[in-house]
Amino acid sequence: MLTMLSAISTFERDLMLERQREGIAIAKDKGKYKGRKSKFDLDTIGKIKSKFSETGNKAGLASEYGISRGYLYELVKA
């Protein structure tokens, strides 16, 4: 009996997650789910990219601009 309730609960959870993913996809298509805007303009991002290729200290570069290393790599990748 407990196994049956567990299976039903798991199925319901999967359905909820699927509906949530569909809703997010619809919101993204409508342009309402964009995420946070970057605090850097295009000129600053260009400077960060040039410094990124020149320097070997990525953590120092990230702390200079007050961002994490992960966000630094995202800026350079884009």
N, C-alpha and C. Protein backbone atom coordinates (compact mmCIF):
# COMPACT_ATOMS: atom_id res chain seq x y z
N MET A 1 0.84 -1.20 0.00
CA MET A 1 0.00 0.00 0.00
C MET A 1 0.88 1.26 0.00
N LEU A 2 1.91 1.25 0.82
CA LEU A 2 2.82 2.39 0.90
C LEU A 2 3.55 2.60 -0.43
N THR A 3 3.92 1.51 -1.08
CA THR A 3 4.59 1.60 -2.37
C THR A 3 3.66 2.24 -3.41
N MET A 4 2.41 1.88 -3.37
CA MET A 4 1.43 2.43 -4.31
C MET A 4 1.26 3.94 -4.09
N LEU A 5 1.17 4.38 -2.84
CA LEU A 5 1.05 5.81 -2.55
C LEU A 5 2.30 6.56 -2.98
N SER A 6 3.44 5.95 -2.80
CA SER A 6 4.71 6.57 -3.22
C SER A 6 4.76 6.74 -4.73
N ALA A 7 4.30 5.74 -5.46
CA ALA A 7 4.30 5.81 -6.92
C ALA A 7 3.36 6.91 -7.41
N ILE A 8 2.21 7.02 -6.80
CA ILE A 8 1.24 8.06 -7.19
C ILE A 8 1.81 9.44 -6.89
N SER A 9 2.45 9.56 -5.75
CA SER A 9 3.05 10.84 -5.36
C SER A 9 4.15 11.24 -6.34
N THR A 10 4.98 10.30 -6.74
CA THR A 10 6.05 10.58 -7.70
C THR A 10 5.46 10.99 -9.04
N PHE A 11 4.41 10.30 -9.46
CA PHE A 11 3.76 10.64 -10.73
C PHE A 11 3.19 12.06 -10.69
N GLU A 12 2.53 12.41 -9.61
CA GLU A 12 1.96 13.76 -9.47
C GLU A 12 3.06 14.82 -9.49
N ARG A 13 4.17 14.54 -8.83
CA ARG A 13 5.29 15.49 -8.80
C ARG A 13 5.86 15.68 -10.20
N ASP A 14 5.98 14.62 -10.97
CA ASP A 14 6.47 14.72 -12.34
C ASP A 14 5.53 15.55 -13.20
N LEU A 15 4.23 15.38 -13.00
CA LEU A 15 3.26 16.18 -13.74
C LEU A 15 3.37 17.66 -13.40
N MET A 16 3.55 17.96 -12.11
CA MET A 16 3.68 19.36 -11.70
C MET A 16 4.93 20.00 -12.33
N LEU A 17 6.04 19.27 -12.31
CA LEU A 17 7.27 19.81 -12.90
C LEU A 17 7.14 20.02 -14.40
N GLU A 18 6.44 19.11 -15.06
CA GLU A 18 6.23 19.25 -16.50
C GLU A 18 5.38 20.49 -16.82
N ARG A 19 4.32 20.70 -16.04
CA ARG A 19 3.49 21.89 -16.24
C ARG A 19 4.28 23.16 -15.96
N GLN A 20 5.16 23.12 -14.96
CA GLN A 20 5.98 24.28 -14.64
C GLN A 20 6.93 24.59 -15.80
N ARG A 21 7.57 23.57 -16.36
CA ARG A 21 8.47 23.77 -17.50
C ARG A 21 7.73 24.34 -18.70
N GLU A 22 6.53 23.86 -18.94
CA GLU A 22 5.72 24.38 -20.05
C GLU A 22 5.38 25.84 -19.82
N GLY A 23 5.02 26.20 -18.60
CA GLY A 23 4.69 27.58 -18.29
C GLY A 23 5.88 28.51 -18.46
N ILE A 24 7.05 28.05 -18.05
CA ILE A 24 8.26 28.87 -18.21
C ILE A 24 8.58 29.04 -19.68
N ALA A 25 8.42 27.99 -20.47
CA ALA A 25 8.69 28.08 -21.91
C ALA A 25 7.73 29.07 -22.57
N ILE A 26 6.47 29.06 -22.18
CA ILE A 26 5.50 30.00 -22.74
C ILE A 26 5.86 31.43 -22.34
N ALA A 27 6.25 31.63 -21.09
CA ALA A 27 6.63 32.96 -20.62
C ALA A 27 7.87 33.46 -21.35
N LYS A 28 8.83 32.58 -21.62
CA LYS A 28 10.03 32.98 -22.36
C LYS A 28 9.67 33.39 -23.78
N ASP A 29 8.74 32.66 -24.40
CA ASP A 29 8.31 33.02 -25.76
C ASP A 29 7.64 34.38 -25.79
N LYS A 30 6.91 34.71 -24.73
CA LYS A 30 6.24 36.01 -24.65
C LYS A 30 7.19 37.12 -24.24
N GLY A 31 8.41 36.76 -23.82
CA GLY A 31 9.39 37.76 -23.42
C GLY A 31 9.26 38.24 -21.99
N LYS A 32 8.59 37.48 -21.15
CA LYS A 32 8.36 37.89 -19.77
C LYS A 32 9.31 37.21 -18.79
N TYR A 33 10.12 36.32 -19.28
CA TYR A 33 11.01 35.54 -18.42
C TYR A 33 12.43 35.71 -18.96
N LYS A 34 13.01 36.88 -18.68
CA LYS A 34 14.28 37.22 -19.30
C LYS A 34 15.46 37.05 -18.37
N GLY A 35 15.24 37.09 -17.09
CA GLY A 35 16.34 37.06 -16.15
C GLY A 35 16.79 38.47 -15.83
N ARG A 36 17.82 38.55 -15.06
CA ARG A 36 18.32 39.85 -14.61
C ARG A 36 19.18 40.49 -15.69
N LYS A 37 19.08 41.82 -15.81
CA LYS A 37 19.91 42.53 -16.77
C LYS A 37 21.32 42.67 -16.23
N SER A 38 22.28 42.65 -17.13
CA SER A 38 23.68 42.78 -16.73
C SER A 38 23.95 44.20 -16.27
N LYS A 39 24.84 44.33 -15.29
CA LYS A 39 25.19 45.66 -14.81
C LYS A 39 26.28 46.29 -15.67
N PHE A 40 26.77 45.57 -16.67
CA PHE A 40 27.83 46.07 -17.55
C PHE A 40 27.27 46.41 -18.92
N ASP A 41 27.77 47.52 -19.48
CA ASP A 41 27.39 47.85 -20.85
C ASP A 41 28.36 47.14 -21.81
N LEU A 42 28.13 47.30 -23.11
CA LEU A 42 28.93 46.58 -24.09
C LEU A 42 30.40 47.00 -24.08
N ASP A 43 30.68 48.27 -23.81
CA ASP A 43 32.07 48.73 -23.76
C ASP A 43 32.82 48.07 -22.60
N THR A 44 32.19 48.01 -21.45
CA THR A 44 32.82 47.39 -20.29
C THR A 44 33.04 45.90 -20.52
N ILE A 45 32.09 45.25 -21.15
CA ILE A 45 32.24 43.82 -21.45
C ILE A 45 33.40 43.61 -22.40
N GLY A 46 33.57 44.51 -23.37
CA GLY A 46 34.72 44.42 -24.28
C GLY A 46 36.04 44.56 -23.54
N LYS A 47 36.09 45.47 -22.58
CA LYS A 47 37.30 45.64 -21.77
C LYS A 47 37.58 44.39 -20.94
N ILE A 48 36.53 43.82 -20.38
CA ILE A 48 36.69 42.61 -19.58
C ILE A 48 37.22 41.47 -20.45
N LYS A 49 36.71 41.35 -21.67
CA LYS A 49 37.16 40.29 -22.57
C LYS A 49 38.63 40.46 -22.93
N SER A 50 39.06 41.70 -23.17
CA SER A 50 40.46 41.91 -23.53
C SER A 50 41.37 41.64 -22.33
N LYS A 51 40.96 42.07 -21.14
CA LYS A 51 41.76 41.80 -19.94
C LYS A 51 41.79 40.31 -19.63
N PHE A 52 40.69 39.62 -19.93
CA PHE A 52 40.59 38.18 -19.66
C PHE A 52 41.65 37.41 -20.44
N SER A 53 41.84 37.78 -21.70
CA SER A 53 42.82 37.06 -22.51
C SER A 53 44.25 37.43 -22.12
N GLU A 54 44.46 38.61 -21.56
CA GLU A 54 45.80 39.06 -21.20
C GLU A 54 46.26 38.53 -19.85
N THR A 55 45.38 38.47 -18.89
CA THR A 55 45.77 38.14 -17.53
C THR A 55 45.71 36.64 -17.26
N GLY A 56 46.50 36.20 -16.32
CA GLY A 56 46.45 34.81 -15.89
C GLY A 56 45.68 34.65 -14.60
N ASN A 57 45.39 35.77 -13.93
CA ASN A 57 44.70 35.74 -12.64
C ASN A 57 43.22 36.06 -12.85
N LYS A 58 42.44 35.04 -13.10
CA LYS A 58 41.02 35.24 -13.37
C LYS A 58 40.26 35.65 -12.11
N ALA A 59 40.65 35.13 -10.96
CA ALA A 59 39.98 35.48 -9.71
C ALA A 59 40.22 36.95 -9.38
N GLY A 60 41.43 37.45 -9.65
CA GLY A 60 41.72 38.86 -9.41
C GLY A 60 40.92 39.76 -10.32
N LEU A 61 40.77 39.34 -11.57
CA LEU A 61 39.98 40.13 -12.53
C LEU A 61 38.51 40.16 -12.09
N ALA A 62 38.00 39.04 -11.63
CA ALA A 62 36.61 38.99 -11.17
C ALA A 62 36.40 39.88 -9.95
N SER A 63 37.34 39.85 -9.02
CA SER A 63 37.18 40.68 -7.83
C SER A 63 37.35 42.17 -8.15
N GLU A 64 38.12 42.47 -9.18
CA GLU A 64 38.29 43.86 -9.61
C GLU A 64 36.95 44.46 -10.06
N TYR A 65 36.15 43.65 -10.72
CA TYR A 65 34.85 44.12 -11.20
C TYR A 65 33.71 43.77 -10.25
N GLY A 66 34.00 43.08 -9.16
CA GLY A 66 32.98 42.77 -8.17
C GLY A 66 32.01 41.69 -8.62
N ILE A 67 32.51 40.71 -9.36
CA ILE A 67 31.67 39.61 -9.85
C ILE A 67 32.34 38.28 -9.50
N SER A 68 31.60 37.20 -9.68
CA SER A 68 32.16 35.89 -9.42
C SER A 68 32.92 35.41 -10.66
N ARG A 69 33.76 34.40 -10.48
CA ARG A 69 34.49 33.86 -11.62
C ARG A 69 33.54 33.21 -12.62
N GLY A 70 32.49 32.59 -12.12
CA GLY A 70 31.51 31.98 -13.01
C GLY A 70 30.86 33.00 -13.92
N TYR A 71 30.48 34.14 -13.35
CA TYR A 71 29.86 35.20 -14.16
C TYR A 71 30.90 35.81 -15.11
N LEU A 72 32.15 35.88 -14.69
CA LEU A 72 33.22 36.36 -15.56
C LEU A 72 33.30 35.48 -16.81
N TYR A 73 33.30 34.17 -16.61
CA TYR A 73 33.36 33.26 -17.75
C TYR A 73 32.12 33.37 -18.64
N GLU A 74 30.96 33.63 -18.05
CA GLU A 74 29.74 33.81 -18.85
C GLU A 74 29.85 35.06 -19.71
N LEU A 75 30.39 36.14 -19.15
CA LEU A 75 30.55 37.37 -19.91
C LEU A 75 31.50 37.18 -21.08
N VAL A 76 32.58 36.47 -20.84
CA VAL A 76 33.58 36.27 -21.88
C VAL A 76 33.06 35.33 -22.96
N LYS A 77 32.26 34.35 -22.56
CA LYS A 77 31.72 33.37 -23.51
C LYS A 77 30.72 34.02 -24.47
N ALA A 78 29.93 34.96 -23.98
CA ALA A 78 28.86 35.56 -24.78
C ALA A 78 29.39 36.52 -25.81
